[in-house]
Amino acid sequence: MKKQQPDLNRRSLLKAITVGSAATAALAVSGASVAKATESNISAKNSNGYTETAHIRSYYDSLRG
């Protein structure tokens, strides 16, 4: 009697689905934290504590380029 060989394609598919769902969850969480950070930056600009002056803007521009 022959032993059945495991179907490696099926195992690869199951591994890919597991990894893909974990990656999707990680992206969803990081996307939510980016949205919260953006909201907090907008509210920080409206407060009296931090003001973005021309000097600060030019510094930020130098970091981007």
PDB file of N, CA and C in Angstrom:
ATOM      1  N   MET A   1       0.828  -1.177   0.000  1.00  0.00           N
ATOM      2  CA  MET A   1       0.000   0.000   0.000  1.00  0.00           C
ATOM      3  C   MET A   1       0.879   1.249   0.000  1.00  0.00           C
ATOM      4  N   LYS A   2       0.549   2.216  -0.841  1.00  0.00           N
ATOM      5  CA  LYS A   2       1.337   3.437  -0.946  1.00  0.00           C
ATOM      6  C   LYS A   2       0.869   4.455   0.082  1.00  0.00           C
ATOM      7  N   LYS A   3       1.852   5.216   0.596  1.00  0.00           N
ATOM      8  CA  LYS A   3       1.510   6.335   1.480  1.00  0.00           C
ATOM      9  C   LYS A   3       1.160   7.535   0.616  1.00  0.00           C
ATOM     10  N   GLN A   4       0.181   8.319   1.063  1.00  0.00           N
ATOM     11  CA  GLN A   4      -0.157   9.530   0.336  1.00  0.00           C
ATOM     12  C   GLN A   4       0.851  10.613   0.661  1.00  0.00           C
ATOM     13  N   GLN A   5       1.315  11.268  -0.375  1.00  0.00           N
ATOM     14  CA  GLN A   5       2.216  12.394  -0.180  1.00  0.00           C
ATOM     15  C   GLN A   5       1.382  13.622   0.177  1.00  0.00           C
ATOM     16  N   PRO A   6       1.853  14.425   1.120  1.00  0.00           N
ATOM     17  CA  PRO A   6       1.091  15.623   1.468  1.00  0.00           C
ATOM     18  C   PRO A   6       1.044  16.596   0.292  1.00  0.00           C
ATOM     19  N   ASP A   7      -0.078  17.260   0.163  1.00  0.00           N
ATOM     20  CA  ASP A   7      -0.266  18.215  -0.922  1.00  0.00           C
ATOM     21  C   ASP A   7       0.383  19.535  -0.510  1.00  0.00           C
ATOM     22  N   LEU A   8       1.585  19.800  -1.027  1.00  0.00           N
ATOM     23  CA  LEU A   8       2.337  20.987  -0.654  1.00  0.00           C
ATOM     24  C   LEU A   8       1.677  22.258  -1.166  1.00  0.00           C
ATOM     25  N   ASN A   9       0.993  22.194  -2.293  1.00  0.00           N
ATOM     26  CA  ASN A   9       0.318  23.380  -2.809  1.00  0.00           C
ATOM     27  C   ASN A   9      -0.777  23.833  -1.860  1.00  0.00           C
ATOM     28  N   ARG A  10      -1.491  22.897  -1.306  1.00  0.00           N
ATOM     29  CA  ARG A  10      -2.559  23.239  -0.368  1.00  0.00           C
ATOM     30  C   ARG A  10      -1.980  23.857   0.899  1.00  0.00           C
ATOM     31  N   ARG A  11      -0.883  23.297   1.390  1.00  0.00           N
ATOM     32  CA  ARG A  11      -0.235  23.862   2.578  1.00  0.00           C
ATOM     33  C   ARG A  11       0.277  25.271   2.310  1.00  0.00           C
ATOM     34  N   SER A  12       0.851  25.475   1.146  1.00  0.00           N
ATOM     35  CA  SER A  12       1.339  26.807   0.786  1.00  0.00           C
ATOM     36  C   SER A  12       0.197  27.803   0.731  1.00  0.00           C
ATOM     37  N   LEU A  13      -0.927  27.379   0.197  1.00  0.00           N
ATOM     38  CA  LEU A  13      -2.094  28.250   0.121  1.00  0.00           C
ATOM     39  C   LEU A  13      -2.576  28.619   1.524  1.00  0.00           C
ATOM     40  N   LEU A  14      -2.649  27.658   2.406  1.00  0.00           N
ATOM     41  CA  LEU A  14      -3.105  27.931   3.768  1.00  0.00           C
ATOM     42  C   LEU A  14      -2.136  28.860   4.502  1.00  0.00           C
ATOM     43  N   LYS A  15      -0.846  28.680   4.288  1.00  0.00           N
ATOM     44  CA  LYS A  15       0.137  29.574   4.899  1.00  0.00           C
ATOM     45  C   LYS A  15       0.002  30.989   4.358  1.00  0.00           C
ATOM     46  N   ALA A  16      -0.215  31.107   3.053  1.00  0.00           N
ATOM     47  CA  ALA A  16      -0.361  32.424   2.433  1.00  0.00           C
ATOM     48  C   ALA A  16      -1.601  33.138   2.943  1.00  0.00           C
ATOM     49  N   ILE A  17      -2.680  32.416   3.128  1.00  0.00           N
ATOM     50  CA  ILE A  17      -3.901  33.022   3.660  1.00  0.00           C
ATOM     51  C   ILE A  17      -3.672  33.518   5.079  1.00  0.00           C
ATOM     52  N   THR A  18      -2.980  32.741   5.884  1.00  0.00           N
ATOM     53  CA  THR A  18      -2.709  33.133   7.267  1.00  0.00           C
ATOM     54  C   THR A  18      -1.827  34.370   7.321  1.00  0.00           C
ATOM     55  N   VAL A  19      -0.765  34.380   6.543  1.00  0.00           N
ATOM     56  CA  VAL A  19       0.147  35.525   6.522  1.00  0.00           C
ATOM     57  C   VAL A  19      -0.552  36.753   5.952  1.00  0.00           C
ATOM     58  N   GLY A  20      -1.346  36.563   4.932  1.00  0.00           N
ATOM     59  CA  GLY A  20      -2.067  37.668   4.321  1.00  0.00           C
ATOM     60  C   GLY A  20      -3.062  38.312   5.268  1.00  0.00           C
ATOM     61  N   SER A  21      -3.766  37.500   6.040  1.00  0.00           N
ATOM     62  CA  SER A  21      -4.735  38.066   6.983  1.00  0.00           C
ATOM     63  C   SER A  21      -4.024  38.799   8.120  1.00  0.00           C
ATOM     64  N   ALA A  22      -2.884  38.312   8.546  1.00  0.00           N
ATOM     65  CA  ALA A  22      -2.117  38.997   9.591  1.00  0.00           C
ATOM     66  C   ALA A  22      -1.583  40.332   9.069  1.00  0.00           C
ATOM     67  N   ALA A  23      -1.126  40.352   7.832  1.00  0.00           N
ATOM     68  CA  ALA A  23      -0.622  41.594   7.244  1.00  0.00           C
ATOM     69  C   ALA A  23      -1.746  42.612   7.069  1.00  0.00           C
ATOM     70  N   THR A  24      -2.916  42.141   6.678  1.00  0.00           N
ATOM     71  CA  THR A  24      -4.063  43.034   6.518  1.00  0.00           C
ATOM     72  C   THR A  24      -4.457  43.645   7.856  1.00  0.00           C
ATOM     73  N   ALA A  25      -4.452  42.847   8.904  1.00  0.00           N
ATOM     74  CA  ALA A  25      -4.784  43.368  10.227  1.00  0.00           C
ATOM     75  C   ALA A  25      -3.758  44.402  10.679  1.00  0.00           C
ATOM     76  N   ALA A  26      -2.492  44.157  10.406  1.00  0.00           N
ATOM     77  CA  ALA A  26      -1.450  45.106  10.794  1.00  0.00           C
ATOM     78  C   ALA A  26      -1.603  46.422  10.038  1.00  0.00           C
ATOM     79  N   LEU A  27      -1.939  46.360   8.772  1.00  0.00           N
ATOM     80  CA  LEU A  27      -2.153  47.574   7.987  1.00  0.00           C
ATOM     81  C   LEU A  27      -3.363  48.349   8.480  1.00  0.00           C
ATOM     82  N   ALA A  28      -4.399  47.638   8.870  1.00  0.00           N
ATOM     83  CA  ALA A  28      -5.599  48.307   9.361  1.00  0.00           C
ATOM     84  C   ALA A  28      -5.303  49.056  10.656  1.00  0.00           C
ATOM     85  N   VAL A  29      -4.525  48.445  11.529  1.00  0.00           N
ATOM     86  CA  VAL A  29      -4.178  49.081  12.799  1.00  0.00           C
ATOM     87  C   VAL A  29      -3.279  50.287  12.566  1.00  0.00           C
ATOM     88  N   SER A  30      -2.286  50.162  11.695  1.00  0.00           N
ATOM     89  CA  SER A  30      -1.376  51.280  11.444  1.00  0.00           C
ATOM     90  C   SER A  30      -2.095  52.416  10.733  1.00  0.00           C
ATOM     91  N   GLY A  31      -3.039  52.106   9.872  1.00  0.00           N
ATOM     92  CA  GLY A  31      -3.819  53.136   9.200  1.00  0.00           C
ATOM     93  C   GLY A  31      -4.658  53.926  10.179  1.00  0.00           C
ATOM     94  N   ALA A  32      -5.200  53.248  11.185  1.00  0.00           N
ATOM     95  CA  ALA A  32      -6.008  53.933  12.195  1.00  0.00           C
ATOM     96  C   ALA A  32      -5.143  54.856  13.034  1.00  0.00           C
ATOM     97  N   SER A  33      -3.934  54.431  13.360  1.00  0.00           N
ATOM     98  CA  SER A  33      -3.062  55.288  14.170  1.00  0.00           C
ATOM     99  C   SER A  33      -2.559  56.479  13.374  1.00  0.00           C
ATOM    100  N   VAL A  34      -2.390  56.331  12.057  1.00  0.00           N
ATOM    101  CA  VAL A  34      -2.000  57.469  11.220  1.00  0.00           C
ATOM    102  C   VAL A  34      -3.127  58.489  11.185  1.00  0.00           C
ATOM    103  N   ALA A  35      -4.359  58.007  11.090  1.00  0.00           N
ATOM    104  CA  ALA A  35      -5.498  58.914  11.069  1.00  0.00           C
ATOM    105  C   ALA A  35      -5.606  59.672  12.393  1.00  0.00           C
ATOM    106  N   LYS A  36      -5.372  58.993  13.508  1.00  0.00           N
ATOM    107  CA  LYS A  36      -5.424  59.654  14.807  1.00  0.00           C
ATOM    108  C   LYS A  36      -4.307  60.677  14.937  1.00  0.00           C
ATOM    109  N   ALA A  37      -3.127  60.346  14.432  1.00  0.00           N
ATOM    110  CA  ALA A  37      -2.004  61.281  14.502  1.00  0.00           C
ATOM    111  C   ALA A  37      -2.288  62.526  13.681  1.00  0.00           C
ATOM    112  N   THR A  38      -2.907  62.356  12.529  1.00  0.00           N
ATOM    113  CA  THR A  38      -3.251  63.499  11.688  1.00  0.00           C
ATOM    114  C   THR A  38      -4.270  64.384  12.377  1.00  0.00           C
ATOM    115  N   GLU A  39      -5.255  63.773  13.018  1.00  0.00           N
ATOM    116  CA  GLU A  39      -6.263  64.541  13.737  1.00  0.00           C
ATOM    117  C   GLU A  39      -5.639  65.316  14.887  1.00  0.00           C
ATOM    118  N   SER A  40      -4.700  64.697  15.589  1.00  0.00           N
ATOM    119  CA  SER A  40      -4.073  65.393  16.715  1.00  0.00           C
ATOM    120  C   SER A  40      -3.188  66.535  16.220  1.00  0.00           C
ATOM    121  N   ASN A  41      -2.564  66.376  15.047  1.00  0.00           N
ATOM    122  CA  ASN A  41      -1.756  67.458  14.481  1.00  0.00           C
ATOM    123  C   ASN A  41      -2.629  68.644  14.107  1.00  0.00           C
ATOM    124  N   ILE A  42      -3.794  68.391  13.575  1.00  0.00           N
ATOM    125  CA  ILE A  42      -4.702  69.471  13.194  1.00  0.00           C
ATOM    126  C   ILE A  42      -5.164  70.216  14.432  1.00  0.00           C
ATOM    127  N   SER A  43      -5.525  69.494  15.481  1.00  0.00           N
ATOM    128  CA  SER A  43      -5.985  70.161  16.695  1.00  0.00           C
ATOM    129  C   SER A  43      -4.839  70.893  17.385  1.00  0.00           C
ATOM    130  N   ALA A  44      -3.595  70.396  17.234  1.00  0.00           N
ATOM    131  CA  ALA A  44      -2.449  71.065  17.848  1.00  0.00           C
ATOM    132  C   ALA A  44      -2.182  72.407  17.171  1.00  0.00           C
ATOM    133  N   LYS A  45      -2.437  72.513  15.883  1.00  0.00           N
ATOM    134  CA  LYS A  45      -2.224  73.769  15.178  1.00  0.00           C
ATOM    135  C   LYS A  45      -3.225  74.832  15.626  1.00  0.00           C
ATOM    136  N   ASN A  46      -4.384  74.392  16.072  1.00  0.00           N
ATOM    137  CA  ASN A  46      -5.412  75.328  16.491  1.00  0.00           C
ATOM    138  C   ASN A  46      -5.246  75.767  17.946  1.00  0.00           C
ATOM    139  N   SER A  47      -4.372  75.135  18.684  1.00  0.00           N
ATOM    140  CA  SER A  47      -4.187  75.489  20.088  1.00  0.00           C
ATOM    141  C   SER A  47      -3.203  76.652  20.215  1.00  0.00           C
ATOM    142  N   ASN A  48      -3.092  77.219  21.401  1.00  0.00           N
ATOM    143  CA  ASN A  48      -2.209  78.356  21.632  1.00  0.00           C
ATOM    144  C   ASN A  48      -0.775  77.941  21.910  1.00  0.00           C
ATOM    145  N   GLY A  49      -0.501  76.672  22.172  1.00  0.00           N
ATOM    146  CA  GLY A  49       0.825  76.228  22.563  1.00  0.00           C
ATOM    147  C   GLY A  49       1.836  76.195  21.431  1.00  0.00           C
ATOM    148  N   TYR A  50       1.490  75.614  20.314  1.00  0.00           N
ATOM    149  CA  TYR A  50       2.438  75.420  19.213  1.00  0.00           C
ATOM    150  C   TYR A  50       1.976  76.221  18.007  1.00  0.00           C
ATOM    151  N   THR A  51       2.864  77.028  17.485  1.00  0.00           N
ATOM    152  CA  THR A  51       2.560  77.743  16.247  1.00  0.00           C
ATOM    153  C   THR A  51       3.659  77.456  15.235  1.00  0.00           C
ATOM    154  N   GLU A  52       3.241  77.185  14.036  1.00  0.00           N
ATOM    155  CA  GLU A  52       4.194  76.858  12.979  1.00  0.00           C
ATOM    156  C   GLU A  52       4.563  78.151  12.254  1.00  0.00           C
ATOM    157  N   THR A  53       5.751  78.613  12.486  1.00  0.00           N
ATOM    158  CA  THR A  53       6.220  79.854  11.879  1.00  0.00           C
ATOM    159  C   THR A  53       6.901  79.552  10.546  1.00  0.00           C
ATOM    160  N   ALA A  54       7.269  80.588   9.829  1.00  0.00           N
ATOM    161  CA  ALA A  54       7.945  80.428   8.544  1.00  0.00           C
ATOM    162  C   ALA A  54       9.284  79.714   8.729  1.00  0.00           C
ATOM    163  N   HIS A  55       9.969  79.997   9.827  1.00  0.00           N
ATOM    164  CA  HIS A  55      11.244  79.353  10.116  1.00  0.00           C
ATOM    165  C   HIS A  55      11.048  77.843  10.306  1.00  0.00           C
ATOM    166  N   ILE A  56      10.031  77.475  11.051  1.00  0.00           N
ATOM    167  CA  ILE A  56       9.743  76.053  11.289  1.00  0.00           C
ATOM    168  C   ILE A  56       9.342  75.381   9.979  1.00  0.00           C
ATOM    169  N   ARG A  57       8.499  76.030   9.178  1.00  0.00           N
ATOM    170  CA  ARG A  57       8.083  75.456   7.893  1.00  0.00           C
ATOM    171  C   ARG A  57       9.270  75.232   6.971  1.00  0.00           C
ATOM    172  N   SER A  58      10.209  76.161   6.946  1.00  0.00           N
ATOM    173  CA  SER A  58      11.378  75.977   6.077  1.00  0.00           C
ATOM    174  C   SER A  58      12.245  74.824   6.569  1.00  0.00           C
ATOM    175  N   TYR A  59      12.315  74.649   7.884  1.00  0.00           N
ATOM    176  CA  TYR A  59      13.042  73.495   8.431  1.00  0.00           C
ATOM    177  C   TYR A  59      12.370  72.180   8.031  1.00  0.00           C
ATOM    178  N   TYR A  60      11.045  72.113   8.154  1.00  0.00           N
ATOM    179  CA  TYR A  60      10.320  70.910   7.760  1.00  0.00           C
ATOM    180  C   TYR A  60      10.496  70.626   6.265  1.00  0.00           C
ATOM    181  N   ASP A  61      10.463  71.672   5.443  1.00  0.00           N
ATOM    182  CA  ASP A  61      10.672  71.497   4.011  1.00  0.00           C
ATOM    183  C   ASP A  61      12.062  70.962   3.697  1.00  0.00           C
ATOM    184  N   SER A  62      13.068  71.409   4.469  1.00  0.00           N
ATOM    185  CA  SER A  62      14.423  70.916   4.229  1.00  0.00           C
ATOM    186  C   SER A  62      14.542  69.430   4.573  1.00  0.00           C
ATOM    187  N   LEU A  63      13.732  68.955   5.510  1.00  0.00           N
ATOM    188  CA  LEU A  63      13.762  67.543   5.868  1.00  0.00           C
ATOM    189  C   LEU A  63      13.113  66.681   4.793  1.00  0.00           C
ATOM    190  N   ARG A  64      12.098  67.195   4.136  1.00  0.00           N
ATOM    191  CA  ARG A  64      11.381  66.436   3.102  1.00  0.00           C
ATOM    192  C   ARG A  64      12.219  66.273   1.834  1.00  0.00           C
ATOM    193  N   GLY A  65      12.980  67.282   1.497  1.00  0.00           N
ATOM    194  CA  GLY A  65      13.683  67.287   0.213  1.00  0.00           C
ATOM    195  C   GLY A  65      15.023  66.716   0.222  1.00  0.00           C
TER     196      GLY A  65
END
